[in-house]
Structure formats: C-alpha cells, structure tokens
Amino acid sequence: MIAPGAEQESSHRERPLPRPSVLASELRTRELAERLRWFVLMRWAAVLVTLGGGLVAHLRWLPAKLDPRYFVAVASMLALSNLGATLRARRPFSGAVAMRWFLFVQMLTDFAALSVISYACGTVETPVLTLFMLHIILATQFFPSRHSQLATLVAWAFACAPLLLEYAGAIPVLTIFDGHLKAQTSGDLRVTMGFVAGIGGSYGVCWYLVSRITSSLKRREHQLQEAFELLQRVDREKSLYVLRATHELKSPITAIQGYAYTLRDGYYGPLPEKALEVLDRIGDRCDRVTGKITDIIQLSRLRTLVQSPRDRVAVDLRAMLAVEAREAALQGELRRVAVAFDSSGPPVRVAGAQELLHTLFSNLLRNAVQYSREGGQVTVSLDRSRSVAVIKVTDQGIGIPKEHLEEVFEEHFRSPNALTHHPGGTGLGLPMVKEIVRIHDGQLKVESEEGQGAAFTVTLPLAGPEDN
C-alpha cells in the first residue's frame, strides 16, 4: 500500500484512453491478421493435397487418365506463392485495407491454380469446380459485401475459363473418362453456356446465402462493439468522477486531522485526558480515511494509465525485491514474521516502470506479512523461465477461502477471515497489483486454502535489448 497521505507524483505520463472507435478498428485488424495466418496455413495443406493428387495420378491408383504434371506444376506455384505470403505476413501491414488487398491477390493465385486443376480433372467430369465455393465463403469472411461479390465473379470467370477455351479451340479438349459428356460440352455452344450459367448460378446462390449470414453476424458484432464503447465511456467517466470526488474529500479530512493534532499537542492549552484520547482516535481515523483515498486515487490512475514503450526501462527485479523484502521484514518484526529472499544470483531484468513495480511488490509483501500468523514466514522467490521472470510470494497466514480466490482482486472486497484478522484494510491493494501486472503485459495467479497460507505468482516479460 502507499503510505497514508504520501500521494506521490507519478513519473509516468497519464494519457486519455484511446478513442473507442480506434479500439474497435484495432480489434478488427487483429482479427483479420489471425484469419490471414489461418489462410496461409490452410494453403500449405492445399499444397500437400495437390502433391498427393499428383502421386495418385503418377501411380494410376484411379481409373482415370490424370496427368501428374499438372498437379506438380500447381503445387509448385502454390508453394512459391505461399512462401512469399508467409514471409510478407510476418511484417506488419499498414492497415486492414492493405491486408485485404494482399488476401485478394493470394485468392487470384488460388483461382488460377484451381482452374488448372479443374482442367486436368476434366472440368465437368469431376466435382473439382465446387472447390471454388470454399474461396467464395472465405471471401465473405475476409472482405466487405461488394468486394466478396467481386471475388465471386472472378471465381466464376476462372472456373468457366477452361470450358470456354476448350469450346473455342484455344486449348485441347481434355477428358479423363473417355465419356460423351466432354464431347457434347465442347462441341455444342448451348451445352457449354448451360454449364457456364449453372456454375454462375450455384456460385451466386452460395455467395448470397453465406453473405446474408455473415452480414447478420457482423451486425451483431457491430452492436457488441457499440455496447463495448459505451461501457468504455461509462467506465472512463466513473474513474474521472472518483478522482474528483476523492481529491475533494482529501483536503477537508487532512484539515480535520491537522486541527485534531493541533489541539492534542496543546497549542490551545491543556486538555483533559479523555479529550486527548478522543483526539488520538480522530487522528487515527483520519489516517485510515486518507490512506483509503490515496489508494482509490492510485487505482483510478492505474486504470486510466496508457503506457508506451518509451515509458519502460530495464528494471533489475532481484535488486528491487531485495529492497522490498528488507522493508517488509522491518514491518514483520513486531509480529515476529520473518521474510526470506535469496538476493544472490545474476540480475533478472524486465521492461517496466520502476515506481509501479515497487508498488506492485510492496503491496504483495505487505499483504503477506499483514495476514501471516505470529511466528510465520514469508518466502519470496525469483526465477527465469524462457522469456519471462516468475516471482512468487508465499506466506503461512490465514489463507483465502477457495470460493473467494477470484474476488480478492475486486475493489473493496475482503473475505470474512481477512476482516476478522485485520479490520483496517482497504481492499484496494490486490486490485492495484492486478492493474500493474496488466499494464506490464504480465500474468497474476493466486493459490490458497483457508488456514493454509497463500501463494501469489507474478509473471512478467523479460526486457529485450531495446529496453537497456
């Protein structure tokens, strides 16, 4: 906890929260990026399937005249295209529009590949043309309605290209079953155009049905985004109101405390012993209220604090924990609570705000000491695990009932056994811990049973070279 009345100037700039519309746009961009990664992964699967088709054609496992060269050529084209897409996807895009253009170009490559495969499989002799529908469905997910409609028309053009080129004599008529269907299709314009119209109709129906469903889902998504933005505004206004109210409360309470101590110290003459006791109680209550107000102000600031990478520096956790452990040990001397921390070992650096991290570990250690039984011990450990630092604070105190493990991070919540053990707590220390961990992109976990102590584990990303 921050010492009562010691509201400190933060060295970090407090910025207004990003506009909700910007947040929604960032969410859509991140979602599109996730779909892009999935799309690239699926294309690698398509390369393997195409190579498998080439192997089947080469070994003549099917009673069809399949030329494996078409499959190998298409697999090679897809592999090269997807290799470029994989390398490009690793670099950030300038926005959702650039990402959609990139996806559209990749879809054109896929349409060309499917067109070649459908020609190699006899076009109308096999159901390969239905594979274009998968991309039509994907287009409704990736693009706005007009753009997905354009993708459907392009898919129709690529699907019908082999049929029209065969009829025009631009390419040889390829049949894999020696049937009469291809002869009729390539020799009669009415049959050819009938297939072209049928393919276009089926693709159009597919696009219409999927786009209607997608539009309905997107409308619901938009409604949820609006509700989220409203909650953001309400929460921001509530935080600002709390800040104003607590600031306005703090001044008169500090004045009351000053007057009480002035009377107690005899500046206006001696007072009876009973009056001095009352003034001491007034001062103690003012201390408690001032401490709560300071914590509320600090928590509200944390919830409206937006940090940029420039605000973070490399902080040596081992040195910081050694300082906090010594201070907690001084606090625990009155109740014979020992604090153990092994400060030897190499530095463990994380990227963070030094003042906020001090507040984080001060709260955890003071809580551990405060809720320990007399004669108990608080143990602090620090480990490195891959790219994160893991800090664990374990006590032998009263513990937390299992049904209240998640609630302890809520504002002003205190479990019944905590109220009995320490009635003067504010219930704001752990919510501040949670917010500071969130600001530092970390994770917070608690394990406890009532009467068996508690263990809080904080995981923070290690500092990179750019933070030093």
Protein backbone atom coordinates (compact mmCIF):
# COMPACT_ATOMS: atom_id res chain seq x y z
CA MET A 1 0.00 0.00 0.00
CA ILE A 2 1.06 3.60 -0.47
CA ALA A 3 1.75 5.29 2.83
CA PRO A 4 -1.25 7.36 4.03
CA GLY A 5 -1.01 10.95 2.99
CA ALA A 6 2.02 10.30 0.83
CA GLU A 7 0.47 10.76 -2.57
CA GLN A 8 3.45 10.88 -4.87
CA GLU A 9 3.87 12.49 -8.25
CA SER A 10 3.99 9.80 -10.89
CA SER A 11 6.89 9.98 -13.31
CA HIS A 12 4.72 8.44 -15.99
CA ARG A 13 2.50 10.45 -18.26
CA GLU A 14 -1.17 9.79 -17.80
CA ARG A 15 -2.86 9.73 -21.18
CA PRO A 16 -6.53 9.58 -22.07
CA LEU A 17 -7.73 6.17 -23.15
CA PRO A 18 -7.76 5.56 -26.92
CA ARG A 19 -10.99 6.51 -28.62
CA PRO A 20 -13.40 3.54 -28.65
CA SER A 21 -13.71 3.65 -32.45
CA VAL A 22 -9.92 3.29 -32.67
CA LEU A 23 -10.05 0.34 -30.30
CA ALA A 24 -12.74 -1.32 -32.43
CA SER A 25 -10.65 -0.76 -35.58
CA GLU A 26 -7.61 -2.30 -33.89
CA LEU A 27 -9.71 -5.31 -32.86
CA ARG A 28 -10.90 -5.82 -36.47
CA THR A 29 -7.35 -5.52 -37.78
CA ARG A 30 -6.07 -8.08 -35.27
CA GLU A 31 -8.93 -10.43 -36.18
CA LEU A 32 -8.12 -10.07 -39.89
CA ALA A 33 -4.46 -10.81 -39.13
CA GLU A 34 -5.48 -14.01 -37.33
CA ARG A 35 -7.56 -15.05 -40.35
CA LEU A 36 -4.62 -14.30 -42.62
CA ARG A 37 -2.35 -16.61 -40.63
CA TRP A 38 -5.01 -19.34 -40.77
CA PHE A 39 -5.40 -18.80 -44.54
CA VAL A 40 -1.64 -19.21 -45.12
CA LEU A 41 -1.62 -22.39 -43.01
CA MET A 42 -4.53 -23.87 -44.98
CA ARG A 43 -2.72 -23.16 -48.24
CA TRP A 44 0.25 -25.24 -47.09
CA ALA A 45 -2.25 -28.05 -46.51
CA ALA A 46 -3.56 -27.49 -50.06
CA VAL A 47 0.00 -27.84 -51.42
CA LEU A 48 0.32 -31.23 -49.72
CA VAL A 49 -3.08 -32.37 -51.01
CA THR A 50 -2.16 -31.32 -54.56
CA LEU A 51 1.13 -33.21 -54.35
CA GLY A 52 -0.85 -36.20 -53.10
CA GLY A 53 -3.11 -35.93 -56.16
CA GLY A 54 -0.03 -35.88 -58.38
CA LEU A 55 1.25 -39.04 -56.69
CA VAL A 56 -2.11 -40.77 -57.21
CA ALA A 57 -2.06 -39.73 -60.88
CA HIS A 58 1.53 -40.95 -61.32
CA LEU A 59 0.82 -44.36 -59.73
CA ARG A 60 -2.51 -44.64 -61.62
CA TRP A 61 -4.46 -45.64 -58.50
CA LEU A 62 -7.69 -44.32 -60.03
CA PRO A 63 -9.40 -45.44 -63.26
CA ALA A 64 -8.90 -42.02 -64.82
CA LYS A 65 -6.39 -40.50 -67.24
CA LEU A 66 -4.81 -37.95 -64.91
CA ASP A 67 -1.62 -36.16 -65.92
CA PRO A 68 0.62 -35.74 -62.84
CA ARG A 69 2.46 -32.82 -64.45
CA TYR A 70 -0.49 -30.51 -63.89
CA PHE A 71 -0.58 -31.37 -60.19
CA VAL A 72 3.18 -30.88 -59.73
CA ALA A 73 3.05 -27.53 -61.56
CA VAL A 74 0.12 -26.29 -59.46
CA ALA A 75 1.72 -27.49 -56.21
CA SER A 76 4.95 -25.67 -57.13
CA MET A 77 3.04 -22.47 -57.97
CA LEU A 78 1.08 -22.60 -54.71
CA ALA A 79 4.21 -23.35 -52.68
CA LEU A 80 6.10 -20.38 -54.14
CA SER A 81 3.11 -18.09 -53.71
CA ASN A 82 2.54 -19.22 -50.14
CA LEU A 83 6.22 -18.89 -49.27
CA GLY A 84 6.05 -15.24 -50.32
CA ALA A 85 2.79 -14.83 -48.41
CA THR A 86 4.33 -16.37 -45.28
CA LEU A 87 7.32 -14.01 -45.41
CA ARG A 88 5.07 -11.00 -46.05
CA ALA A 89 2.65 -11.92 -43.24
CA ARG A 90 5.50 -11.73 -40.72
CA ARG A 91 5.82 -7.99 -41.34
CA PRO A 92 3.15 -5.60 -40.08
CA PHE A 93 0.62 -4.24 -42.55
CA SER A 94 -0.24 -0.56 -42.76
CA GLY A 95 -3.88 -1.35 -42.04
CA ALA A 96 -6.88 -3.54 -42.81
CA VAL A 97 -7.16 -2.25 -46.40
CA ALA A 98 -3.60 -3.29 -47.27
CA MET A 99 -4.21 -6.67 -45.66
CA ARG A 100 -7.38 -7.21 -47.74
CA TRP A 101 -5.60 -6.32 -50.98
CA PHE A 102 -2.89 -8.81 -50.11
CA LEU A 103 -5.51 -11.51 -49.47
CA PHE A 104 -7.29 -10.72 -52.74
CA VAL A 105 -4.07 -11.17 -54.72
CA GLN A 106 -3.47 -14.51 -52.98
CA MET A 107 -7.01 -15.59 -53.84
CA LEU A 108 -6.37 -14.79 -57.51
CA THR A 109 -3.41 -17.18 -57.36
CA ASP A 110 -5.65 -19.84 -55.84
CA PHE A 111 -8.31 -19.29 -58.51
CA ALA A 112 -5.69 -19.79 -61.23
CA ALA A 113 -4.46 -22.97 -59.52
CA LEU A 114 -7.99 -24.34 -59.19
CA SER A 115 -8.70 -23.52 -62.83
CA VAL A 116 -5.67 -25.59 -63.93
CA ILE A 117 -6.61 -28.45 -61.58
CA SER A 118 -10.23 -28.46 -62.81
CA TYR A 119 -8.95 -28.62 -66.43
CA ALA A 120 -6.63 -31.51 -65.51
CA CYS A 121 -9.58 -33.33 -63.89
CA GLY A 122 -11.88 -32.94 -66.90
CA THR A 123 -13.74 -29.81 -65.64
CA VAL A 124 -17.37 -31.02 -65.75
CA GLU A 125 -16.37 -34.68 -65.36
CA THR A 126 -15.42 -34.23 -61.67
CA PRO A 127 -16.73 -32.08 -58.79
CA VAL A 128 -13.49 -30.07 -58.60
CA LEU A 129 -15.36 -26.89 -59.61
CA THR A 130 -17.13 -26.94 -56.24
CA LEU A 131 -13.80 -26.12 -54.59
CA PHE A 132 -14.19 -22.54 -55.80
CA MET A 133 -17.10 -22.25 -53.34
CA LEU A 134 -14.67 -22.58 -50.42
CA HIS A 135 -12.95 -19.40 -51.53
CA ILE A 136 -16.29 -17.67 -52.04
CA ILE A 137 -17.13 -18.49 -48.42
CA LEU A 138 -13.72 -17.23 -47.30
CA ALA A 139 -14.20 -14.03 -49.29
CA THR A 140 -17.40 -13.23 -47.37
CA GLN A 141 -15.36 -13.56 -44.16
CA PHE A 142 -12.39 -11.50 -45.31
CA PHE A 143 -13.97 -8.73 -47.39
CA PRO A 144 -16.92 -6.33 -47.31
CA SER A 145 -20.01 -7.37 -49.28
CA ARG A 146 -19.13 -5.62 -52.57
CA HIS A 147 -15.59 -6.97 -52.56
CA SER A 148 -16.72 -10.52 -51.80
CA GLN A 149 -19.21 -10.21 -54.69
CA LEU A 150 -16.33 -9.20 -56.95
CA ALA A 151 -14.33 -12.22 -55.71
CA THR A 152 -17.32 -14.44 -56.59
CA LEU A 153 -17.44 -13.06 -60.15
CA VAL A 154 -13.68 -13.60 -60.54
CA ALA A 155 -14.07 -17.17 -59.25
CA TRP A 156 -16.84 -17.75 -61.81
CA ALA A 157 -14.57 -16.44 -64.60
CA PHE A 158 -11.68 -18.71 -63.63
CA ALA A 159 -13.97 -21.73 -63.19
CA CYS A 160 -15.54 -21.28 -66.63
CA ALA A 161 -12.30 -20.38 -68.45
CA PRO A 162 -11.28 -23.99 -69.28
CA LEU A 163 -14.76 -24.77 -70.68
CA LEU A 164 -14.85 -21.67 -72.87
CA LEU A 165 -11.25 -22.10 -74.06
CA GLU A 166 -11.93 -25.75 -74.96
CA TYR A 167 -15.02 -24.77 -76.91
CA ALA A 168 -13.07 -22.02 -78.70
CA GLY A 169 -10.28 -24.49 -79.55
CA ALA A 170 -7.65 -22.44 -77.70
CA ILE A 171 -6.67 -25.46 -75.62
CA PRO A 172 -7.10 -29.20 -76.28
CA VAL A 173 -10.25 -30.88 -75.00
CA LEU A 174 -9.14 -32.94 -72.01
CA THR A 175 -11.21 -35.90 -70.83
CA ILE A 176 -10.22 -38.31 -68.10
CA PHE A 177 -13.02 -40.85 -68.51
CA ASP A 178 -13.40 -41.06 -72.33
CA GLY A 179 -17.06 -40.19 -71.94
CA HIS A 180 -19.51 -38.38 -74.19
CA LEU A 181 -20.08 -35.52 -71.73
CA LYS A 182 -16.93 -33.59 -72.68
CA ALA A 183 -17.60 -34.09 -76.37
CA GLN A 184 -21.08 -32.61 -76.03
CA THR A 185 -19.86 -29.79 -73.79
CA SER A 186 -17.02 -28.73 -76.07
CA GLY A 187 -18.97 -29.26 -79.27
CA ASP A 188 -22.28 -27.55 -78.51
CA LEU A 189 -22.44 -23.89 -77.51
CA ARG A 190 -25.81 -24.34 -75.81
CA VAL A 191 -24.44 -27.10 -73.54
CA THR A 192 -21.31 -25.06 -72.81
CA MET A 193 -23.30 -21.95 -71.92
CA GLY A 194 -25.69 -24.07 -69.89
CA PHE A 195 -22.79 -25.27 -67.75
CA VAL A 196 -21.44 -21.70 -67.51
CA ALA A 197 -24.84 -20.44 -66.36
CA GLY A 198 -25.25 -23.32 -63.92
CA ILE A 199 -21.83 -22.70 -62.37
CA GLY A 200 -22.54 -18.98 -62.09
CA GLY A 201 -25.95 -19.62 -60.53
CA SER A 202 -24.59 -22.05 -57.93
CA TYR A 203 -21.75 -19.66 -57.03
CA GLY A 204 -24.19 -16.75 -56.81
CA VAL A 205 -26.55 -18.68 -54.51
CA CYS A 206 -23.58 -19.71 -52.35
CA TRP A 207 -22.38 -16.11 -52.10
CA TYR A 208 -25.87 -14.79 -51.33
CA LEU A 209 -26.64 -17.27 -48.54
CA VAL A 210 -23.22 -17.01 -46.87
CA SER A 211 -23.06 -13.22 -47.21
CA ARG A 212 -26.52 -12.85 -45.62
CA ILE A 213 -25.44 -14.98 -42.67
CA THR A 214 -22.13 -13.12 -42.44
CA SER A 215 -23.87 -9.73 -42.61
CA SER A 216 -26.16 -10.74 -39.76
CA LEU A 217 -23.19 -11.81 -37.68
CA LYS A 218 -21.35 -8.59 -38.49
CA ARG A 219 -24.37 -6.54 -37.43
CA ARG A 220 -24.37 -8.36 -34.11
CA GLU A 221 -20.63 -7.74 -33.85
CA HIS A 222 -21.22 -4.04 -34.52
CA GLN A 223 -23.87 -3.92 -31.79
CA LEU A 224 -21.46 -5.58 -29.36
CA GLN A 225 -18.76 -3.06 -30.32
CA GLU A 226 -21.15 -0.18 -29.65
CA ALA A 227 -22.04 -1.67 -26.26
CA PHE A 228 -18.33 -2.09 -25.52
CA GLU A 229 -17.64 1.52 -26.49
CA LEU A 230 -20.48 2.69 -24.24
CA LEU A 231 -19.05 0.70 -21.33
CA GLN A 232 -15.64 2.21 -22.04
CA ARG A 233 -17.07 5.73 -21.87
CA VAL A 234 -19.05 4.99 -18.70
CA ASP A 235 -16.00 3.44 -17.03
CA ARG A 236 -13.81 6.40 -18.03
CA GLU A 237 -16.37 8.88 -16.70
CA LYS A 238 -16.71 6.89 -13.49
CA SER A 239 -12.94 6.89 -12.99
CA LEU A 240 -12.78 10.67 -13.55
CA TYR A 241 -15.66 11.20 -11.11
CA VAL A 242 -13.95 9.05 -8.48
CA LEU A 243 -10.73 11.03 -8.94
CA ARG A 244 -12.53 14.35 -8.49
CA ALA A 245 -14.55 13.13 -5.51
CA THR A 246 -11.56 11.66 -3.68
CA HIS A 247 -9.47 14.79 -4.27
CA GLU A 248 -12.29 16.91 -2.86
CA LEU A 249 -12.60 14.62 0.18
CA LYS A 250 -8.91 14.53 0.93
CA SER A 251 -8.48 18.25 1.63
CA PRO A 252 -11.11 18.59 4.40
CA ILE A 253 -10.04 15.32 6.04
CA THR A 254 -6.43 16.48 6.09
CA ALA A 255 -7.60 19.77 7.62
CA ILE A 256 -9.62 17.92 10.30
CA GLN A 257 -6.57 15.80 11.11
CA GLY A 258 -4.40 18.91 11.37
CA TYR A 259 -6.84 20.63 13.74
CA ALA A 260 -7.11 17.48 15.88
CA TYR A 261 -3.35 17.15 16.23
CA THR A 262 -3.05 20.89 16.95
CA LEU A 263 -5.47 20.51 19.86
CA ARG A 264 -3.83 17.29 21.05
CA ASP A 265 -0.36 18.84 21.10
CA GLY A 266 -1.57 21.65 23.40
CA TYR A 267 -1.29 24.68 21.13
CA TYR A 268 -4.56 25.97 22.60
CA GLY A 269 -3.92 24.95 26.17
CA PRO A 270 -4.03 21.73 28.14
CA LEU A 271 -6.94 19.33 27.61
CA PRO A 272 -8.40 16.58 29.79
CA GLU A 273 -7.06 13.06 29.30
CA LYS A 274 -10.37 11.86 27.84
CA ALA A 275 -10.29 14.65 25.27
CA LEU A 276 -6.74 13.66 24.28
CA GLU A 277 -7.87 10.06 23.75
CA VAL A 278 -10.71 11.24 21.53
CA LEU A 279 -8.33 13.42 19.51
CA ASP A 280 -5.97 10.44 19.07
CA ARG A 281 -8.88 8.36 17.75
CA ILE A 282 -9.87 11.19 15.39
CA GLY A 283 -6.30 11.33 14.08
CA ASP A 284 -6.17 7.54 13.61
CA ARG A 285 -9.48 7.52 11.74
CA CYS A 286 -8.27 10.40 9.54
CA ASP A 287 -5.10 8.41 8.80
CA ARG A 288 -7.20 5.44 7.69
CA VAL A 289 -9.53 7.50 5.54
CA THR A 290 -6.59 9.37 3.98
CA GLY A 291 -4.93 6.04 3.21
CA LYS A 292 -8.09 4.75 1.54
CA ILE A 293 -8.46 7.93 -0.50
CA THR A 294 -4.83 7.72 -1.62
CA ASP A 295 -5.33 4.10 -2.68
CA ILE A 296 -8.51 4.98 -4.60
CA ILE A 297 -6.69 7.77 -6.42
CA GLN A 298 -3.79 5.48 -7.25
CA LEU A 299 -6.09 2.70 -8.51
CA SER A 300 -8.08 5.14 -10.67
CA ARG A 301 -4.86 6.47 -12.17
CA LEU A 302 -3.67 2.95 -12.94
CA ARG A 303 -6.90 2.17 -14.77
CA THR A 304 -6.60 5.24 -16.97
CA LEU A 305 -2.84 4.94 -17.49
CA VAL A 306 -1.71 4.13 -21.03
CA GLN A 307 1.98 3.32 -21.32
CA SER A 308 4.05 3.49 -24.44
CA PRO A 309 7.29 1.51 -24.93
CA ARG A 310 9.22 4.74 -24.27
CA ASP A 311 7.95 4.72 -20.67
CA ARG A 312 9.57 1.37 -19.95
CA VAL A 313 13.15 0.75 -18.91
CA ALA A 314 15.09 -2.32 -17.87
CA VAL A 315 14.45 -2.92 -14.15
CA ASP A 316 16.54 -5.37 -12.11
CA LEU A 317 13.93 -7.40 -10.24
CA ARG A 318 16.46 -9.08 -7.96
CA ALA A 319 17.71 -5.76 -6.59
CA MET A 320 14.17 -4.40 -6.29
CA LEU A 321 12.86 -7.46 -4.44
CA ALA A 322 15.83 -7.33 -2.06
CA VAL A 323 14.85 -3.75 -1.08
CA GLU A 324 11.16 -4.62 -0.69
CA ALA A 325 11.97 -7.76 1.30
CA ARG A 326 14.07 -5.74 3.78
CA GLU A 327 11.25 -3.22 4.26
CA ALA A 328 8.69 -5.98 4.72
CA ALA A 329 10.98 -7.67 7.27
CA LEU A 330 11.02 -4.45 9.33
CA GLN A 331 7.23 -4.41 9.24
CA GLY A 332 7.13 -8.07 10.34
CA GLU A 333 9.47 -7.65 13.35
CA LEU A 334 6.63 -6.52 15.64
CA ARG A 335 4.67 -9.69 14.87
CA ARG A 336 7.72 -11.98 14.61
CA VAL A 337 7.08 -12.64 10.92
CA ALA A 338 10.27 -13.44 9.01
CA VAL A 339 10.77 -12.54 5.33
CA ALA A 340 13.13 -14.75 3.32
CA PHE A 341 14.59 -13.84 -0.07
CA ASP A 342 17.79 -15.05 -1.70
CA SER A 343 19.25 -11.90 -3.27
CA SER A 344 22.32 -13.67 -4.68
CA GLY A 345 22.43 -14.53 -8.33
CA PRO A 346 22.58 -12.67 -11.63
CA PRO A 347 20.27 -9.74 -12.35
CA VAL A 348 16.85 -10.52 -13.82
CA ARG A 349 15.64 -7.56 -15.86
CA VAL A 350 12.13 -6.82 -17.04
CA ALA A 351 10.84 -3.93 -19.13
CA GLY A 352 8.70 -1.79 -16.87
CA ALA A 353 8.04 1.32 -14.84
CA GLN A 354 10.19 1.22 -11.72
CA GLU A 355 7.78 3.11 -9.47
CA LEU A 356 4.82 0.92 -10.44
CA LEU A 357 6.82 -2.28 -9.92
CA HIS A 358 7.85 -1.05 -6.45
CA THR A 359 4.15 -0.51 -5.67
CA LEU A 360 3.33 -3.99 -7.00
CA PHE A 361 5.80 -5.89 -4.83
CA SER A 362 5.34 -3.62 -1.83
CA ASN A 363 1.62 -4.45 -1.85
CA LEU A 364 2.20 -8.17 -2.21
CA LEU A 365 4.83 -8.34 0.57
CA ARG A 366 2.96 -6.08 2.99
CA ASN A 367 -0.20 -8.13 2.47
CA ALA A 368 1.73 -11.36 3.05
CA VAL A 369 3.19 -10.01 6.31
CA GLN A 370 -0.10 -8.46 7.43
CA TYR A 371 -2.09 -11.68 7.01
CA SER A 372 0.59 -14.01 8.39
CA ARG A 373 0.25 -15.53 11.83
CA GLU A 374 2.73 -14.56 14.52
CA GLY A 375 5.93 -16.53 14.16
CA GLY A 376 5.24 -17.33 10.50
CA GLN A 377 7.44 -16.77 7.47
CA VAL A 378 7.02 -15.08 4.09
CA THR A 379 9.11 -16.54 1.27
CA VAL A 380 9.94 -14.68 -1.94
CA SER A 381 11.39 -16.48 -4.95
CA LEU A 382 12.58 -15.21 -8.35
CA ASP A 383 13.16 -17.48 -11.36
CA ARG A 384 13.64 -17.15 -15.09
CA SER A 385 11.57 -19.31 -17.42
CA ARG A 386 12.29 -18.84 -21.13
CA SER A 387 11.34 -15.24 -21.91
CA VAL A 388 9.64 -14.38 -18.61
CA ALA A 389 10.51 -13.72 -14.99
CA VAL A 390 8.45 -15.59 -12.38
CA ILE A 391 8.08 -14.04 -8.92
CA LYS A 392 6.32 -15.99 -6.18
CA VAL A 393 5.34 -14.62 -2.75
CA THR A 394 4.27 -17.33 -0.29
CA ASP A 395 3.05 -16.85 3.27
CA GLN A 396 1.96 -19.08 6.15
CA GLY A 397 -1.03 -16.99 7.07
CA ILE A 398 -4.79 -17.22 7.29
CA GLY A 399 -5.24 -18.09 3.61
CA ILE A 400 -8.15 -17.33 1.30
CA PRO A 401 -11.30 -19.45 1.04
CA LYS A 402 -11.48 -21.18 -2.35
CA GLU A 403 -14.80 -19.56 -3.21
CA HIS A 404 -13.19 -16.11 -2.83
CA LEU A 405 -9.97 -16.65 -4.81
CA GLU A 406 -11.11 -14.61 -7.82
CA GLU A 407 -12.97 -11.98 -5.78
CA VAL A 408 -9.86 -10.85 -3.89
CA PHE A 409 -8.85 -8.82 -6.97
CA GLU A 410 -12.11 -6.83 -6.93
CA GLU A 411 -12.29 -3.35 -5.43
CA HIS A 412 -13.01 -3.20 -1.68
CA PHE A 413 -13.62 -6.95 -1.44
CA ARG A 414 -12.31 -8.61 1.70
CA SER A 415 -13.00 -12.19 2.70
CA PRO A 416 -14.64 -12.78 6.11
CA ASN A 417 -11.46 -14.21 7.66
CA ALA A 418 -9.46 -11.19 6.41
CA LEU A 419 -11.95 -8.80 8.03
CA THR A 420 -11.60 -10.64 11.32
CA HIS A 421 -7.80 -10.78 11.17
CA HIS A 422 -7.19 -7.18 10.02
CA PRO A 423 -10.29 -4.94 10.19
CA GLY A 424 -8.46 -1.81 8.99
CA GLY A 425 -7.61 -2.94 5.45
CA THR A 426 -8.88 -1.05 2.40
CA GLY A 427 -9.42 -3.93 -0.02
CA LEU A 428 -7.56 -2.00 -2.74
CA GLY A 429 -4.05 -3.46 -2.56
CA LEU A 430 -4.68 -6.54 -4.70
CA PRO A 431 -6.76 -4.66 -7.31
CA MET A 432 -3.75 -2.32 -7.70
CA VAL A 433 -1.47 -5.35 -8.07
CA LYS A 434 -3.74 -6.72 -10.80
CA GLU A 435 -3.76 -3.42 -12.71
CA ILE A 436 0.03 -3.02 -12.55
CA VAL A 437 0.52 -6.58 -13.82
CA ARG A 438 -1.91 -5.84 -16.67
CA ILE A 439 -0.05 -2.64 -17.59
CA HIS A 440 3.18 -4.67 -17.83
CA ASP A 441 1.59 -7.39 -20.03
CA GLY A 442 2.11 -9.94 -17.27
CA GLN A 443 0.06 -12.63 -15.60
CA LEU A 444 -1.11 -12.96 -12.00
CA LYS A 445 -2.16 -16.16 -10.26
CA VAL A 446 -3.14 -16.98 -6.68
CA GLU A 447 -3.22 -20.36 -4.94
CA SER A 448 -4.60 -20.71 -1.44
CA GLU A 449 -6.73 -22.61 1.03
CA GLU A 450 -8.27 -21.16 4.13
CA GLY A 451 -5.91 -21.59 7.06
CA GLN A 452 -3.08 -22.86 4.84
CA GLY A 453 -1.48 -19.62 3.67
CA ALA A 454 -1.45 -18.14 0.17
CA ALA A 455 0.92 -18.01 -2.81
CA PHE A 456 0.79 -15.18 -5.37
CA THR A 457 2.69 -15.74 -8.63
CA VAL A 458 3.53 -12.85 -10.96
CA THR A 459 4.89 -13.50 -14.45
CA LEU A 460 6.49 -10.57 -16.32
CA PRO A 461 8.16 -10.46 -19.76
CA LEU A 462 11.94 -10.12 -19.66
CA ALA A 463 13.50 -6.94 -21.03
CA GLY A 464 14.74 -7.00 -24.60
CA PRO A 465 17.91 -5.36 -25.95
CA GLU A 466 15.93 -2.23 -26.91
CA ASP A 467 14.97 -1.63 -23.24
CA ASN A 468 18.56 -1.37 -21.98
